[in-house]
Amino acid sequence: MSPANPVDEPDSSLNGIGHKPVKSSKSPLPEVKEFESPLATVGDIVNALKITGGVIVRNFLSLQEIDRILEDVNPYLDSDKPWDGDFFPPETRRAFGLMGKSYTFATSIVGNPLWMEVTDALLTSYIKHNWVGEKNEESISLPQLHNTIAFRIGPGARAQVLHRDDPPHHPNRGAVAEHVMGRDCGIGLFVAATRTTRANGATRFIPGSHLWDYRDGPPREEQTVYAELNPGDAFMMLSGCFHGGSANSTTDEDRVLLSTFNTRGWLRQEENQYLANSLDSIRKLPRALQERIGYGLSLPFLGWVDLHSPIAILYPEEFKSQKDLL
């Protein structure tokens, strides 16, 4: 009898790995790469993410951009209440729906050109063979915004348990020897708004764990590496990597982290962007960001409203005379 929720087995014809052994928690951990933002290429970052699952990008944002974002989000962090549960320690404060709360967060983090190109390279989906009668209709689905969260973790906060961030999409992956395009559900970006150290709770993760069999667990703390950052530095991570915030063992340091994830255009968003942000606030953003939020179609026609692209809600005059999608 087949299992109710079978593990996705590696496809060597797609992986091109021949007889290479698949990765596991017993494999040597790959080296975590660091890049300087002005010099980093999309190709270098993508290749490093495929191998390690996480990379550090120094000087991703300017200190002026960080200051503007903090001015926008601090009132929401100040008014947040402790998490009623075990996932976040009670010393954590959070702010959500940041596309409508901080224009600088939206344009400098979610809309950062380097970040968008990295996510495009890893999360774009293609249909190369879709026969509709006599016609083959190819389609491209670009990534979409998955969530936006600012965190402030205060002194005394305990460590977060190690976990993956892709369970909302129910992946159940088999082990592979090397990265296979299409394996990832999402990618996360964490930008330090304050100095982020091992002592005050820097994110720790297990390099290479995105390639393991998802039945291989539980994760082991001794395999973790800490993403220590200066203000403006960033940590990019595939959502299939084991990771978690660490304990803030200081007595007087807050750790503030600005985060966002992207996911594939045909998957459901973790944070419902249509309800989290007002239409008026979204209308102020560049059109490319409006589409990234979810107001563009996932081609060929996923996400329509009255058989039109949802962007028509923001630009009704433009679509007044346009034909239906189908």
C-alpha atoms as a PDB file:
ATOM      1  CA  MET A   1       0.000   0.000   0.000  1.00  0.00           C
ATOM      2  CA  SER A   2       1.323   3.478  -0.885  1.00  0.00           C
ATOM      3  CA  PRO A   3       1.847   5.899   2.002  1.00  0.00           C
ATOM      4  CA  ALA A   4      -0.750   8.633   2.377  1.00  0.00           C
ATOM      5  CA  ASN A   5       1.920  11.353   2.171  1.00  0.00           C
ATOM      6  CA  PRO A   6       4.852   9.928   0.193  1.00  0.00           C
ATOM      7  CA  VAL A   7       8.287  11.500   0.318  1.00  0.00           C
ATOM      8  CA  ASP A   8       9.382  13.121  -2.933  1.00  0.00           C
ATOM      9  CA  GLU A   9      12.242  10.978  -4.171  1.00  0.00           C
ATOM     10  CA  PRO A  10      15.244  12.554  -5.909  1.00  0.00           C
ATOM     11  CA  ASP A  11      15.097  12.401  -9.692  1.00  0.00           C
ATOM     12  CA  SER A  12      18.614  11.729 -10.970  1.00  0.00           C
ATOM     13  CA  SER A  13      17.564  12.607 -14.506  1.00  0.00           C
ATOM     14  CA  LEU A  14      16.768  16.133 -13.282  1.00  0.00           C
ATOM     15  CA  ASN A  15      19.581  16.344 -10.758  1.00  0.00           C
ATOM     16  CA  GLY A  16      22.360  15.300 -13.078  1.00  0.00           C
ATOM     17  CA  ILE A  17      24.245  13.842 -10.111  1.00  0.00           C
ATOM     18  CA  GLY A  18      25.061  10.374 -11.410  1.00  0.00           C
ATOM     19  CA  HIS A  19      26.368   8.219  -8.575  1.00  0.00           C
ATOM     20  CA  LYS A  20      27.106  11.014  -6.061  1.00  0.00           C
ATOM     21  CA  PRO A  21      25.870  10.173  -2.555  1.00  0.00           C
ATOM     22  CA  VAL A  22      22.860  12.121  -1.344  1.00  0.00           C
ATOM     23  CA  LYS A  23      23.265  14.611   1.508  1.00  0.00           C
ATOM     24  CA  SER A  24      22.207  13.873   5.064  1.00  0.00           C
ATOM     25  CA  SER A  25      22.755  15.061   8.614  1.00  0.00           C
ATOM     26  CA  LYS A  26      25.948  12.959   8.599  1.00  0.00           C
ATOM     27  CA  SER A  27      27.419  14.796   5.591  1.00  0.00           C
ATOM     28  CA  PRO A  28      30.184  17.388   6.064  1.00  0.00           C
ATOM     29  CA  LEU A  29      28.682  20.862   6.464  1.00  0.00           C
ATOM     30  CA  PRO A  30      29.412  23.250   3.573  1.00  0.00           C
ATOM     31  CA  GLU A  31      31.144  26.582   4.131  1.00  0.00           C
ATOM     32  CA  VAL A  32      28.879  29.616   4.536  1.00  0.00           C
ATOM     33  CA  LYS A  33      29.785  32.271   1.970  1.00  0.00           C
ATOM     34  CA  GLU A  34      29.870  36.029   2.566  1.00  0.00           C
ATOM     35  CA  PHE A  35      29.470  38.694  -0.110  1.00  0.00           C
ATOM     36  CA  GLU A  36      29.759  42.474  -0.260  1.00  0.00           C
ATOM     37  CA  SER A  37      26.507  43.925  -1.591  1.00  0.00           C
ATOM     38  CA  PRO A  38      28.007  46.358  -4.132  1.00  0.00           C
ATOM     39  CA  LEU A  39      30.186  43.568  -5.573  1.00  0.00           C
ATOM     40  CA  ALA A  40      27.878  40.570  -5.207  1.00  0.00           C
ATOM     41  CA  THR A  41      26.495  39.022  -8.371  1.00  0.00           C
ATOM     42  CA  VAL A  42      23.194  37.214  -8.585  1.00  0.00           C
ATOM     43  CA  GLY A  43      24.964  34.159  -9.951  1.00  0.00           C
ATOM     44  CA  ASP A  44      27.416  33.997  -7.050  1.00  0.00           C
ATOM     45  CA  ILE A  45      24.653  34.276  -4.442  1.00  0.00           C
ATOM     46  CA  VAL A  46      22.383  31.757  -6.171  1.00  0.00           C
ATOM     47  CA  ASN A  47      25.194  29.221  -6.548  1.00  0.00           C
ATOM     48  CA  ALA A  48      26.136  29.607  -2.877  1.00  0.00           C
ATOM     49  CA  LEU A  49      22.490  29.208  -1.792  1.00  0.00           C
ATOM     50  CA  LYS A  50      22.187  25.999  -3.799  1.00  0.00           C
ATOM     51  CA  ILE A  51      25.142  24.488  -1.932  1.00  0.00           C
ATOM     52  CA  THR A  52      24.787  25.898   1.579  1.00  0.00           C
ATOM     53  CA  GLY A  53      21.184  27.079   1.808  1.00  0.00           C
ATOM     54  CA  GLY A  54      22.218  30.385   3.415  1.00  0.00           C
ATOM     55  CA  VAL A  55      24.556  33.295   2.617  1.00  0.00           C
ATOM     56  CA  ILE A  56      25.532  36.584   4.260  1.00  0.00           C
ATOM     57  CA  VAL A  57      25.450  39.796   2.222  1.00  0.00           C
ATOM     58  CA  ARG A  58      27.305  42.670   3.862  1.00  0.00           C
ATOM     59  CA  ASN A  59      26.113  46.290   3.508  1.00  0.00           C
ATOM     60  CA  PHE A  60      22.813  45.245   1.935  1.00  0.00           C
ATOM     61  CA  LEU A  61      21.092  48.429   3.192  1.00  0.00           C
ATOM     62  CA  SER A  62      22.449  51.823   4.188  1.00  0.00           C
ATOM     63  CA  LEU A  63      22.184  53.014   7.781  1.00  0.00           C
ATOM     64  CA  GLN A  64      19.921  55.840   6.573  1.00  0.00           C
ATOM     65  CA  GLU A  65      17.476  53.297   5.144  1.00  0.00           C
ATOM     66  CA  ILE A  66      17.582  51.331   8.390  1.00  0.00           C
ATOM     67  CA  ASP A  67      16.796  54.486  10.380  1.00  0.00           C
ATOM     68  CA  ARG A  68      13.793  55.317   8.173  1.00  0.00           C
ATOM     69  CA  ILE A  69      12.397  51.795   8.506  1.00  0.00           C
ATOM     70  CA  LEU A  70      12.821  51.810  12.281  1.00  0.00           C
ATOM     71  CA  GLU A  71      11.026  55.143  12.485  1.00  0.00           C
ATOM     72  CA  ASP A  72       8.115  53.522  10.629  1.00  0.00           C
ATOM     73  CA  VAL A  73       7.961  50.195  12.465  1.00  0.00           C
ATOM     74  CA  ASN A  74       8.942  51.092  16.044  1.00  0.00           C
ATOM     75  CA  PRO A  75       5.433  52.291  17.015  1.00  0.00           C
ATOM     76  CA  TYR A  76       4.041  48.891  15.984  1.00  0.00           C
ATOM     77  CA  LEU A  77       6.795  47.019  17.826  1.00  0.00           C
ATOM     78  CA  ASP A  78       6.139  49.132  20.921  1.00  0.00           C
ATOM     79  CA  SER A  79       2.431  48.285  20.890  1.00  0.00           C
ATOM     80  CA  ASP A  80       2.821  44.532  20.262  1.00  0.00           C
ATOM     81  CA  LYS A  81       1.966  42.067  23.013  1.00  0.00           C
ATOM     82  CA  PRO A  82       3.948  38.927  23.956  1.00  0.00           C
ATOM     83  CA  TRP A  83       3.288  35.834  21.864  1.00  0.00           C
ATOM     84  CA  ASP A  84       0.732  33.542  23.485  1.00  0.00           C
ATOM     85  CA  GLY A  85       2.519  30.275  22.802  1.00  0.00           C
ATOM     86  CA  ASP A  86       5.915  28.612  22.656  1.00  0.00           C
ATOM     87  CA  PHE A  87       7.218  29.528  19.199  1.00  0.00           C
ATOM     88  CA  PHE A  88       8.366  33.084  20.059  1.00  0.00           C
ATOM     89  CA  PRO A  89       9.809  33.903  23.486  1.00  0.00           C
ATOM     90  CA  PRO A  90       7.754  36.478  25.446  1.00  0.00           C
ATOM     91  CA  GLU A  91      10.581  39.035  25.109  1.00  0.00           C
ATOM     92  CA  THR A  92       9.854  39.217  21.361  1.00  0.00           C
ATOM     93  CA  ARG A  93       7.863  42.040  19.780  1.00  0.00           C
ATOM     94  CA  ARG A  94       6.669  41.882  16.171  1.00  0.00           C
ATOM     95  CA  ALA A  95       5.218  44.087  13.438  1.00  0.00           C
ATOM     96  CA  PHE A  96       3.436  42.726  10.364  1.00  0.00           C
ATOM     97  CA  GLY A  97       1.872  44.030   7.155  1.00  0.00           C
ATOM     98  CA  LEU A  98       4.921  46.156   6.468  1.00  0.00           C
ATOM     99  CA  MET A  99       4.198  46.821   2.792  1.00  0.00           C
ATOM    100  CA  GLY A 100       1.542  49.253   3.952  1.00  0.00           C
ATOM    101  CA  LYS A 101       3.364  50.518   7.044  1.00  0.00           C
ATOM    102  CA  SER A 102       6.799  51.421   5.680  1.00  0.00           C
ATOM    103  CA  TYR A 103       7.420  52.631   2.154  1.00  0.00           C
ATOM    104  CA  THR A 104      11.171  52.275   2.717  1.00  0.00           C
ATOM    105  CA  PHE A 105      10.776  48.653   3.866  1.00  0.00           C
ATOM    106  CA  ALA A 106       8.688  47.945   0.768  1.00  0.00           C
ATOM    107  CA  THR A 107      11.038  49.534  -1.742  1.00  0.00           C
ATOM    108  CA  SER A 108      14.452  48.939  -0.117  1.00  0.00           C
ATOM    109  CA  ILE A 109      13.941  45.396   1.209  1.00  0.00           C
ATOM    110  CA  VAL A 110      11.096  43.671  -0.656  1.00  0.00           C
ATOM    111  CA  GLY A 111      11.844  45.667  -3.811  1.00  0.00           C
ATOM    112  CA  ASN A 112      15.628  45.503  -3.549  1.00  0.00           C
ATOM    113  CA  PRO A 113      16.887  44.692  -7.084  1.00  0.00           C
ATOM    114  CA  LEU A 114      19.501  42.157  -5.937  1.00  0.00           C
ATOM    115  CA  TRP A 115      16.965  40.355  -3.742  1.00  0.00           C
ATOM    116  CA  MET A 116      14.339  40.293  -6.496  1.00  0.00           C
ATOM    117  CA  GLU A 117      16.825  38.875  -9.009  1.00  0.00           C
ATOM    118  CA  VAL A 118      17.931  36.152  -6.586  1.00  0.00           C
ATOM    119  CA  THR A 119      14.342  35.104  -5.920  1.00  0.00           C
ATOM    120  CA  ASP A 120      13.501  35.258  -9.621  1.00  0.00           C
ATOM    121  CA  ALA A 121      16.409  32.927 -10.346  1.00  0.00           C
ATOM    122  CA  LEU A 122      15.347  30.322  -7.776  1.00  0.00           C
ATOM    123  CA  LEU A 123      11.542  30.589  -7.567  1.00  0.00           C
ATOM    124  CA  THR A 124      10.380  31.253 -11.125  1.00  0.00           C
ATOM    125  CA  SER A 125       8.262  28.409 -12.517  1.00  0.00           C
ATOM    126  CA  TYR A 126       7.993  27.472 -16.191  1.00  0.00           C
ATOM    127  CA  ILE A 127       5.430  25.505 -18.142  1.00  0.00           C
ATOM    128  CA  LYS A 128       7.201  24.465 -21.332  1.00  0.00           C
ATOM    129  CA  HIS A 129       4.595  21.966 -22.534  1.00  0.00           C
ATOM    130  CA  ASN A 130       0.934  22.890 -22.233  1.00  0.00           C
ATOM    131  CA  TRP A 131      -1.014  21.733 -25.243  1.00  0.00           C
ATOM    132  CA  VAL A 132      -4.332  23.487 -25.698  1.00  0.00           C
ATOM    133  CA  GLY A 133      -5.679  21.768 -28.760  1.00  0.00           C
ATOM    134  CA  GLU A 134      -3.139  22.280 -31.539  1.00  0.00           C
ATOM    135  CA  LYS A 135      -1.283  25.065 -29.721  1.00  0.00           C
ATOM    136  CA  ASN A 136       1.499  24.727 -27.137  1.00  0.00           C
ATOM    137  CA  GLU A 137       1.111  27.616 -24.668  1.00  0.00           C
ATOM    138  CA  GLU A 138       4.257  28.222 -22.598  1.00  0.00           C
ATOM    139  CA  SER A 139       3.889  30.187 -19.349  1.00  0.00           C
ATOM    140  CA  ILE A 140       6.124  31.784 -16.727  1.00  0.00           C
ATOM    141  CA  SER A 141       5.059  32.269 -13.109  1.00  0.00           C
ATOM    142  CA  LEU A 142       7.196  34.777 -11.192  1.00  0.00           C
ATOM    143  CA  PRO A 143       7.667  34.681  -7.404  1.00  0.00           C
ATOM    144  CA  GLN A 144       5.375  36.546  -5.045  1.00  0.00           C
ATOM    145  CA  LEU A 145       5.701  38.061  -1.602  1.00  0.00           C
ATOM    146  CA  HIS A 146       5.148  35.522   1.181  1.00  0.00           C
ATOM    147  CA  ASN A 147       5.383  37.552   4.399  1.00  0.00           C
ATOM    148  CA  THR A 148       6.816  40.685   6.040  1.00  0.00           C
ATOM    149  CA  ILE A 149       7.804  40.807   9.721  1.00  0.00           C
ATOM    150  CA  ALA A 150       9.966  43.007  11.935  1.00  0.00           C
ATOM    151  CA  PHE A 151      11.266  41.407  15.150  1.00  0.00           C
ATOM    152  CA  ARG A 152      12.639  42.982  18.296  1.00  0.00           C
ATOM    153  CA  ILE A 153      14.076  40.365  20.657  1.00  0.00           C
ATOM    154  CA  GLY A 154      14.857  41.634  24.150  1.00  0.00           C
ATOM    155  CA  PRO A 155      17.379  40.539  26.784  1.00  0.00           C
ATOM    156  CA  GLY A 156      16.614  37.230  28.443  1.00  0.00           C
ATOM    157  CA  ALA A 157      14.810  35.696  25.468  1.00  0.00           C
ATOM    158  CA  ARG A 158      15.309  31.954  25.181  1.00  0.00           C
ATOM    159  CA  ALA A 159      16.432  30.293  21.957  1.00  0.00           C
ATOM    160  CA  GLN A 160      13.842  29.415  19.338  1.00  0.00           C
ATOM    161  CA  VAL A 161      13.732  25.727  18.441  1.00  0.00           C
ATOM    162  CA  LEU A 162      15.314  24.727  15.139  1.00  0.00           C
ATOM    163  CA  HIS A 163      12.739  24.429  12.391  1.00  0.00           C
ATOM    164  CA  ARG A 164      12.130  24.797   8.654  1.00  0.00           C
ATOM    165  CA  ASP A 165       9.976  27.617   7.251  1.00  0.00           C
ATOM    166  CA  ASP A 166       8.322  25.697   4.413  1.00  0.00           C
ATOM    167  CA  PRO A 167       5.769  23.508   6.307  1.00  0.00           C
ATOM    168  CA  PRO A 168       2.845  25.806   5.306  1.00  0.00           C
ATOM    169  CA  HIS A 169       3.261  24.387   1.787  1.00  0.00           C
ATOM    170  CA  HIS A 170       3.495  20.770   3.000  1.00  0.00           C
ATOM    171  CA  PRO A 171       6.743  19.737   1.284  1.00  0.00           C
ATOM    172  CA  ASN A 172       8.008  16.242   2.031  1.00  0.00           C
ATOM    173  CA  ARG A 173      11.338  16.062   0.235  1.00  0.00           C
ATOM    174  CA  GLY A 174      13.689  13.180  -0.294  1.00  0.00           C
ATOM    175  CA  ALA A 175      17.438  13.666  -0.027  1.00  0.00           C
ATOM    176  CA  VAL A 176      19.462  14.857  -3.011  1.00  0.00           C
ATOM    177  CA  ALA A 177      23.183  15.024  -3.731  1.00  0.00           C
ATOM    178  CA  GLU A 178      22.950  18.585  -4.948  1.00  0.00           C
ATOM    179  CA  HIS A 179      20.321  21.259  -5.430  1.00  0.00           C
ATOM    180  CA  VAL A 180      17.510  20.578  -7.915  1.00  0.00           C
ATOM    181  CA  MET A 181      15.679  23.537  -9.429  1.00  0.00           C
ATOM    182  CA  GLY A 182      12.050  23.475  -8.321  1.00  0.00           C
ATOM    183  CA  ARG A 183      12.808  21.967  -4.903  1.00  0.00           C
ATOM    184  CA  ASP A 184      12.381  25.228  -2.965  1.00  0.00           C
ATOM    185  CA  CYS A 185       9.056  26.617  -1.790  1.00  0.00           C
ATOM    186  CA  GLY A 186      10.556  29.914  -0.670  1.00  0.00           C
ATOM    187  CA  ILE A 187      13.511  32.082   0.259  1.00  0.00           C
ATOM    188  CA  GLY A 188      13.908  34.350   3.269  1.00  0.00           C
ATOM    189  CA  LEU A 189      15.767  37.627   3.727  1.00  0.00           C
ATOM    190  CA  PHE A 190      16.763  38.862   7.200  1.00  0.00           C
ATOM    191  CA  VAL A 191      18.241  42.361   7.463  1.00  0.00           C
ATOM    192  CA  ALA A 192      19.905  43.437  10.712  1.00  0.00           C
ATOM    193  CA  ALA A 193      18.635  46.751  12.067  1.00  0.00           C
ATOM    194  CA  THR A 194      20.924  46.456  15.101  1.00  0.00           C
ATOM    195  CA  ARG A 195      24.164  44.640  15.738  1.00  0.00           C
ATOM    196  CA  THR A 196      23.356  40.929  15.676  1.00  0.00           C
ATOM    197  CA  THR A 197      25.663  38.645  17.624  1.00  0.00           C
ATOM    198  CA  ARG A 198      25.661  35.171  19.045  1.00  0.00           C
ATOM    199  CA  ALA A 199      25.243  36.734  22.498  1.00  0.00           C
ATOM    200  CA  ASN A 200      22.121  38.743  21.636  1.00  0.00           C
ATOM    201  CA  GLY A 201      20.416  36.015  19.623  1.00  0.00           C
ATOM    202  CA  ALA A 202      21.714  35.909  16.044  1.00  0.00           C
ATOM    203  CA  THR A 203      19.886  33.511  13.735  1.00  0.00           C
ATOM    204  CA  ARG A 204      21.560  30.116  13.688  1.00  0.00           C
ATOM    205  CA  PHE A 205      21.076  27.590  10.903  1.00  0.00           C
ATOM    206  CA  ILE A 206      22.383  24.261   9.664  1.00  0.00           C
ATOM    207  CA  PRO A 207      24.233  24.700   6.348  1.00  0.00           C
ATOM    208  CA  GLY A 208      23.195  22.176   3.717  1.00  0.00           C
ATOM    209  CA  SER A 209      20.103  20.948   5.580  1.00  0.00           C
ATOM    210  CA  HIS A 210      17.879  22.028   2.653  1.00  0.00           C
ATOM    211  CA  LEU A 211      19.239  18.986   0.754  1.00  0.00           C
ATOM    212  CA  TRP A 212      18.447  16.384   3.411  1.00  0.00           C
ATOM    213  CA  ASP A 213      15.615  13.890   3.478  1.00  0.00           C
ATOM    214  CA  TYR A 214      12.820  15.596   5.422  1.00  0.00           C
ATOM    215  CA  ARG A 215      12.478  12.432   7.506  1.00  0.00           C
ATOM    216  CA  ASP A 216      16.057  12.955   8.715  1.00  0.00           C
ATOM    217  CA  GLY A 217      15.753  14.521  12.159  1.00  0.00           C
ATOM    218  CA  PRO A 218      15.522  15.956  14.683  1.00  0.00           C
ATOM    219  CA  PRO A 219      18.065  18.714  13.942  1.00  0.00           C
ATOM    220  CA  ARG A 220      21.201  18.868  16.081  1.00  0.00           C
ATOM    221  CA  GLU A 221      22.347  22.080  17.749  1.00  0.00           C
ATOM    222  CA  GLU A 222      26.027  21.224  17.361  1.00  0.00           C
ATOM    223  CA  GLN A 223      25.675  21.578  13.588  1.00  0.00           C
ATOM    224  CA  THR A 224      24.453  25.173  13.666  1.00  0.00           C
ATOM    225  CA  VAL A 225      26.301  28.228  12.347  1.00  0.00           C
ATOM    226  CA  TYR A 226      25.471  31.757  13.549  1.00  0.00           C
ATOM    227  CA  ALA A 227      24.666  34.570  11.089  1.00  0.00           C
ATOM    228  CA  GLU A 228      26.308  37.463  12.935  1.00  0.00           C
ATOM    229  CA  LEU A 229      25.527  40.783  11.254  1.00  0.00           C
ATOM    230  CA  ASN A 230      26.199  44.489  11.532  1.00  0.00           C
ATOM    231  CA  PRO A 231      23.355  46.975  10.945  1.00  0.00           C
ATOM    232  CA  GLY A 232      22.505  46.889   7.233  1.00  0.00           C
ATOM    233  CA  ASP A 233      23.926  43.391   6.646  1.00  0.00           C
ATOM    234  CA  ALA A 234      21.608  40.654   5.384  1.00  0.00           C
ATOM    235  CA  PHE A 235      21.239  36.906   5.673  1.00  0.00           C
ATOM    236  CA  MET A 236      19.483  35.062   2.810  1.00  0.00           C
ATOM    237  CA  MET A 237      18.230  31.536   3.442  1.00  0.00           C
ATOM    238  CA  LEU A 238      16.262  28.888   1.577  1.00  0.00           C
ATOM    239  CA  SER A 239      13.115  28.016   3.499  1.00  0.00           C
ATOM    240  CA  GLY A 240      14.080  24.326   3.581  1.00  0.00           C
ATOM    241  CA  CYS A 241      17.006  24.984   5.952  1.00  0.00           C
ATOM    242  CA  PHE A 242      16.814  24.223   9.651  1.00  0.00           C
ATOM    243  CA  HIS A 243      17.229  27.482  11.577  1.00  0.00           C
ATOM    244  CA  GLY A 244      16.018  29.463  14.581  1.00  0.00           C
ATOM    245  CA  GLY A 245      16.563  32.637  16.537  1.00  0.00           C
ATOM    246  CA  SER A 246      19.061  32.185  19.364  1.00  0.00           C
ATOM    247  CA  ALA A 247      18.916  33.118  23.042  1.00  0.00           C
ATOM    248  CA  ASN A 248      19.534  36.761  23.916  1.00  0.00           C
ATOM    249  CA  SER A 249      21.881  36.261  26.844  1.00  0.00           C
ATOM    250  CA  THR A 250      22.696  39.974  27.206  1.00  0.00           C
ATOM    251  CA  THR A 251      21.259  42.221  29.881  1.00  0.00           C
ATOM    252  CA  ASP A 252      20.859  45.413  27.833  1.00  0.00           C
ATOM    253  CA  GLU A 253      20.794  44.649  24.073  1.00  0.00           C
ATOM    254  CA  ASP A 254      17.735  44.397  21.842  1.00  0.00           C
ATOM    255  CA  ARG A 255      18.173  42.549  18.558  1.00  0.00           C
ATOM    256  CA  VAL A 256      16.028  44.016  15.772  1.00  0.00           C
ATOM    257  CA  LEU A 257      15.614  42.065  12.550  1.00  0.00           C
ATOM    258  CA  LEU A 258      13.682  43.028   9.414  1.00  0.00           C
ATOM    259  CA  SER A 259      12.514  40.002   7.477  1.00  0.00           C
ATOM    260  CA  THR A 260      10.614  38.997   4.373  1.00  0.00           C
ATOM    261  CA  PHE A 261      10.090  35.768   2.452  1.00  0.00           C
ATOM    262  CA  ASN A 262       9.153  35.163  -1.169  1.00  0.00           C
ATOM    263  CA  THR A 263       7.394  32.068  -2.442  1.00  0.00           C
ATOM    264  CA  ARG A 264       6.337  30.685  -5.801  1.00  0.00           C
ATOM    265  CA  GLY A 265       3.590  32.561  -7.593  1.00  0.00           C
ATOM    266  CA  TRP A 266       1.221  29.586  -7.586  1.00  0.00           C
ATOM    267  CA  LEU A 267       1.481  28.865  -3.845  1.00  0.00           C
ATOM    268  CA  ARG A 268      -0.655  30.486  -1.171  1.00  0.00           C
ATOM    269  CA  GLN A 269       0.952  33.339   0.772  1.00  0.00           C
ATOM    270  CA  GLU A 270       1.648  32.866   4.467  1.00  0.00           C
ATOM    271  CA  GLU A 271       0.701  36.481   5.251  1.00  0.00           C
ATOM    272  CA  ASN A 272      -2.450  37.447   3.354  1.00  0.00           C
ATOM    273  CA  GLN A 273      -1.219  40.571   1.594  1.00  0.00           C
ATOM    274  CA  TYR A 274      -4.687  41.572   0.378  1.00  0.00           C
ATOM    275  CA  LEU A 275      -6.054  41.871   3.920  1.00  0.00           C
ATOM    276  CA  ALA A 276      -2.838  42.949   5.662  1.00  0.00           C
ATOM    277  CA  ASN A 277      -2.471  46.139   3.605  1.00  0.00           C
ATOM    278  CA  SER A 278      -4.995  48.756   2.547  1.00  0.00           C
ATOM    279  CA  LEU A 279      -5.546  49.421  -1.152  1.00  0.00           C
ATOM    280  CA  ASP A 280      -4.634  53.065  -0.593  1.00  0.00           C
ATOM    281  CA  SER A 281      -1.219  52.124   0.789  1.00  0.00           C
ATOM    282  CA  ILE A 282      -0.586  49.642  -2.046  1.00  0.00           C
ATOM    283  CA  ARG A 283      -1.490  52.244  -4.675  1.00  0.00           C
ATOM    284  CA  LYS A 284       1.502  54.315  -3.494  1.00  0.00           C
ATOM    285  CA  LEU A 285       3.990  51.580  -4.379  1.00  0.00           C
ATOM    286  CA  PRO A 286       5.755  51.048  -7.724  1.00  0.00           C
ATOM    287  CA  ARG A 287       3.814  48.798 -10.073  1.00  0.00           C
ATOM    288  CA  ALA A 288       6.475  46.063 -10.010  1.00  0.00           C
ATOM    289  CA  LEU A 289       6.002  45.795  -6.251  1.00  0.00           C
ATOM    290  CA  GLN A 290       2.227  45.790  -6.566  1.00  0.00           C
ATOM    291  CA  GLU A 291       2.544  42.792  -8.853  1.00  0.00           C
ATOM    292  CA  ARG A 292       5.042  41.108  -6.518  1.00  0.00           C
ATOM    293  CA  ILE A 293       2.586  41.478  -3.631  1.00  0.00           C
ATOM    294  CA  GLY A 294       0.067  39.446  -5.611  1.00  0.00           C
ATOM    295  CA  TYR A 295      -1.771  41.981  -7.761  1.00  0.00           C
ATOM    296  CA  GLY A 296      -0.192  40.473 -10.858  1.00  0.00           C
ATOM    297  CA  LEU A 297      -1.255  37.183 -12.399  1.00  0.00           C
ATOM    298  CA  SER A 298       0.641  33.962 -11.989  1.00  0.00           C
ATOM    299  CA  LEU A 299       0.582  33.100 -15.666  1.00  0.00           C
ATOM    300  CA  PRO A 300      -1.233  31.758 -17.510  1.00  0.00           C
ATOM    301  CA  PHE A 301      -4.274  32.901 -15.484  1.00  0.00           C
ATOM    302  CA  LEU A 302      -3.990  32.164 -11.769  1.00  0.00           C
ATOM    303  CA  GLY A 303      -5.455  34.815  -9.473  1.00  0.00           C
ATOM    304  CA  TRP A 304      -7.927  36.558 -11.779  1.00  0.00           C
ATOM    305  CA  VAL A 305     -10.816  38.752 -10.669  1.00  0.00           C
ATOM    306  CA  ASP A 306     -13.773  38.886 -13.078  1.00  0.00           C
ATOM    307  CA  LEU A 307     -11.439  37.247 -15.640  1.00  0.00           C
ATOM    308  CA  HIS A 308      -8.984  40.160 -15.425  1.00  0.00           C
ATOM    309  CA  SER A 309      -5.626  40.525 -13.725  1.00  0.00           C
ATOM    310  CA  PRO A 310      -6.110  41.740 -10.133  1.00  0.00           C
ATOM    311  CA  ILE A 311      -3.946  44.750 -11.034  1.00  0.00           C
ATOM    312  CA  ALA A 312      -7.122  46.055 -12.699  1.00  0.00           C
ATOM    313  CA  ILE A 313      -8.429  46.846  -9.197  1.00  0.00           C
ATOM    314  CA  LEU A 314      -5.587  49.356  -8.829  1.00  0.00           C
ATOM    315  CA  TYR A 315      -5.826  50.682 -12.412  1.00  0.00           C
ATOM    316  CA  PRO A 316      -9.502  50.347 -13.447  1.00  0.00           C
ATOM    317  CA  GLU A 317      -9.299  52.887 -16.276  1.00  0.00           C
ATOM    318  CA  GLU A 318      -6.482  50.985 -17.936  1.00  0.00           C
ATOM    319  CA  PHE A 319      -8.499  47.762 -18.070  1.00  0.00           C
ATOM    320  CA  LYS A 320     -11.911  49.229 -18.881  1.00  0.00           C
ATOM    321  CA  SER A 321     -11.865  48.089 -22.507  1.00  0.00           C
ATOM    322  CA  GLN A 322      -9.597  45.043 -22.163  1.00  0.00           C
ATOM    323  CA  LYS A 323     -10.909  41.593 -23.136  1.00  0.00           C
ATOM    324  CA  ASP A 324     -11.245  38.709 -20.728  1.00  0.00           C
ATOM    325  CA  LEU A 325      -8.216  36.518 -20.074  1.00  0.00           C
ATOM    326  CA  LEU A 326      -9.814  33.383 -21.528  1.00  0.00           C
END
